[in-house]
Amino acid sequence: MIVAVAMGQQPNSAFAIIIDGAYERDDRLEIVVRSVSGKGCLAYSILTAPVDIVRLPRTERSVVFRETEVVPDCNQGSGVRERVIPNLILPTL
């Protein structure tokens, strides 16, 4: 099974998306995703389209994406603010 996550087109290089892990829980496969949104941070002025792709063993379980958005505080050095985004559940085809 191939799992891909993408952010679509972004205005600069301050954006990223990463599949941090995957695990089986009850009757679902949970995919843990971290997205980075560096709005207002110093970055290259170039259009990007962040994507991450992984290969996992095939499963008949429903797939649930759990995404955490990381927003660096560019004005405070290394400060980071995180926000959990509601789950997206996809049926297996």
C-alpha atoms as a PDB file:
ATOM      1  CA  MET A   1       0.000   0.000   0.000  1.00  0.00           C
ATOM      2  CA  ILE A   2       1.302   3.439  -0.914  1.00  0.00           C
ATOM      3  CA  VAL A   3       0.408   6.386   1.348  1.00  0.00           C
ATOM      4  CA  ALA A   4       0.942   9.939   0.136  1.00  0.00           C
ATOM      5  CA  VAL A   5       0.307  13.280   1.836  1.00  0.00           C
ATOM      6  CA  ALA A   6       0.583  16.636   0.104  1.00  0.00           C
ATOM      7  CA  MET A   7       0.002  20.314   0.859  1.00  0.00           C
ATOM      8  CA  GLY A   8      -0.632  21.547  -2.662  1.00  0.00           C
ATOM      9  CA  GLN A   9       1.133  24.594  -4.047  1.00  0.00           C
ATOM     10  CA  GLN A  10       2.706  26.882  -1.444  1.00  0.00           C
ATOM     11  CA  PRO A  11       4.171  30.384  -1.955  1.00  0.00           C
ATOM     12  CA  ASN A  12       7.677  29.729  -0.554  1.00  0.00           C
ATOM     13  CA  SER A  13      10.090  27.183   0.932  1.00  0.00           C
ATOM     14  CA  ALA A  14       8.813  27.562   4.529  1.00  0.00           C
ATOM     15  CA  PHE A  15       6.295  24.697   4.215  1.00  0.00           C
ATOM     16  CA  ALA A  16       6.754  20.945   4.696  1.00  0.00           C
ATOM     17  CA  ILE A  17       4.723  17.791   5.298  1.00  0.00           C
ATOM     18  CA  ILE A  18       6.059  14.554   6.817  1.00  0.00           C
ATOM     19  CA  ILE A  19       4.573  11.149   7.557  1.00  0.00           C
ATOM     20  CA  ASP A  20       5.922  10.575  11.084  1.00  0.00           C
ATOM     21  CA  GLY A  21       4.587   7.051  11.518  1.00  0.00           C
ATOM     22  CA  ALA A  22       1.768   4.565  11.147  1.00  0.00           C
ATOM     23  CA  TYR A  23       0.226   2.086  13.561  1.00  0.00           C
ATOM     24  CA  GLU A  24      -2.770  -0.233  13.825  1.00  0.00           C
ATOM     25  CA  ARG A  25      -5.359   0.656  16.438  1.00  0.00           C
ATOM     26  CA  ASP A  26      -8.586  -1.303  16.871  1.00  0.00           C
ATOM     27  CA  ASP A  27     -10.003  -1.696  13.350  1.00  0.00           C
ATOM     28  CA  ARG A  28      -8.063   1.214  11.795  1.00  0.00           C
ATOM     29  CA  LEU A  29      -4.643   2.083  10.460  1.00  0.00           C
ATOM     30  CA  GLU A  30      -3.613   5.472  11.846  1.00  0.00           C
ATOM     31  CA  ILE A  31      -1.175   7.569   9.824  1.00  0.00           C
ATOM     32  CA  VAL A  32       0.605  10.285  11.840  1.00  0.00           C
ATOM     33  CA  VAL A  33       1.336  13.402   9.776  1.00  0.00           C
ATOM     34  CA  ARG A  34       3.196  16.584  10.726  1.00  0.00           C
ATOM     35  CA  SER A  35       2.810  19.692   8.583  1.00  0.00           C
ATOM     36  CA  VAL A  36       4.988  22.777   8.944  1.00  0.00           C
ATOM     37  CA  SER A  37       3.599  26.177   8.040  1.00  0.00           C
ATOM     38  CA  GLY A  38       6.260  28.851   8.214  1.00  0.00           C
ATOM     39  CA  LYS A  39       4.080  31.795   7.203  1.00  0.00           C
ATOM     40  CA  GLY A  40       5.977  34.995   7.831  1.00  0.00           C
ATOM     41  CA  CYS A  41       9.319  33.224   8.239  1.00  0.00           C
ATOM     42  CA  LEU A  42      12.412  33.965   6.199  1.00  0.00           C
ATOM     43  CA  ALA A  43      12.338  31.592   3.203  1.00  0.00           C
ATOM     44  CA  TYR A  44      13.244  31.291  -0.447  1.00  0.00           C
ATOM     45  CA  SER A  45      10.683  32.986  -2.666  1.00  0.00           C
ATOM     46  CA  ILE A  46       9.888  29.987  -4.852  1.00  0.00           C
ATOM     47  CA  LEU A  47       6.683  28.020  -5.437  1.00  0.00           C
ATOM     48  CA  THR A  48       6.774  24.617  -3.736  1.00  0.00           C
ATOM     49  CA  ALA A  49       4.426  21.636  -3.472  1.00  0.00           C
ATOM     50  CA  PRO A  50       5.433  19.657  -0.339  1.00  0.00           C
ATOM     51  CA  VAL A  51       4.726  15.912  -0.470  1.00  0.00           C
ATOM     52  CA  ASP A  52       5.771  12.759   1.407  1.00  0.00           C
ATOM     53  CA  ILE A  53       5.211   9.180   0.216  1.00  0.00           C
ATOM     54  CA  VAL A  54       5.737   5.903   2.109  1.00  0.00           C
ATOM     55  CA  ARG A  55       5.125   2.223   1.395  1.00  0.00           C
ATOM     56  CA  LEU A  56       3.311   0.174   4.052  1.00  0.00           C
ATOM     57  CA  PRO A  57       2.093  -3.426   4.182  1.00  0.00           C
ATOM     58  CA  ARG A  58      -1.344  -3.865   2.614  1.00  0.00           C
ATOM     59  CA  THR A  59      -4.274  -3.793   5.052  1.00  0.00           C
ATOM     60  CA  GLU A  60      -8.049  -4.125   4.929  1.00  0.00           C
ATOM     61  CA  ARG A  61      -8.440  -1.630   7.789  1.00  0.00           C
ATOM     62  CA  SER A  62      -9.864   1.866   7.341  1.00  0.00           C
ATOM     63  CA  VAL A  63      -7.171   4.538   7.184  1.00  0.00           C
ATOM     64  CA  VAL A  64      -7.218   7.516   9.559  1.00  0.00           C
ATOM     65  CA  PHE A  65      -4.885  10.495   9.145  1.00  0.00           C
ATOM     66  CA  ARG A  66      -3.908  12.328  12.354  1.00  0.00           C
ATOM     67  CA  GLU A  67      -2.282  15.631  11.452  1.00  0.00           C
ATOM     68  CA  THR A  68      -0.439  18.033  13.704  1.00  0.00           C
ATOM     69  CA  GLU A  69       0.352  21.459  12.283  1.00  0.00           C
ATOM     70  CA  VAL A  70       3.625  22.981  13.481  1.00  0.00           C
ATOM     71  CA  VAL A  71       3.876  26.774  13.225  1.00  0.00           C
ATOM     72  CA  PRO A  72       7.380  28.078  13.969  1.00  0.00           C
ATOM     73  CA  ASP A  73       7.476  31.385  15.823  1.00  0.00           C
ATOM     74  CA  CYS A  74      10.007  33.099  13.571  1.00  0.00           C
ATOM     75  CA  ASN A  75      10.135  36.234  15.718  1.00  0.00           C
ATOM     76  CA  GLN A  76      11.079  34.312  18.874  1.00  0.00           C
ATOM     77  CA  GLY A  77      13.913  32.142  17.536  1.00  0.00           C
ATOM     78  CA  SER A  78      13.151  28.469  18.083  1.00  0.00           C
ATOM     79  CA  GLY A  79       9.642  28.794  19.563  1.00  0.00           C
ATOM     80  CA  VAL A  80       7.047  26.441  18.055  1.00  0.00           C
ATOM     81  CA  ARG A  81       3.259  26.371  18.319  1.00  0.00           C
ATOM     82  CA  GLU A  82       1.393  23.132  17.521  1.00  0.00           C
ATOM     83  CA  ARG A  83      -2.239  22.632  16.548  1.00  0.00           C
ATOM     84  CA  VAL A  84      -3.943  19.256  16.122  1.00  0.00           C
ATOM     85  CA  ILE A  85      -6.118  19.075  13.025  1.00  0.00           C
ATOM     86  CA  PRO A  86      -9.307  16.937  13.103  1.00  0.00           C
ATOM     87  CA  ASN A  87      -9.009  13.365  11.804  1.00  0.00           C
ATOM     88  CA  LEU A  88      -9.652  12.429   8.203  1.00  0.00           C
ATOM     89  CA  ILE A  89     -10.999   8.888   7.796  1.00  0.00           C
ATOM     90  CA  LEU A  90     -10.778   7.174   4.412  1.00  0.00           C
ATOM     91  CA  PRO A  91     -12.361   3.813   3.592  1.00  0.00           C
ATOM     92  CA  THR A  92     -10.112   1.225   1.974  1.00  0.00           C
ATOM     93  CA  LEU A  93     -10.860   0.562  -1.678  1.00  0.00           C
END
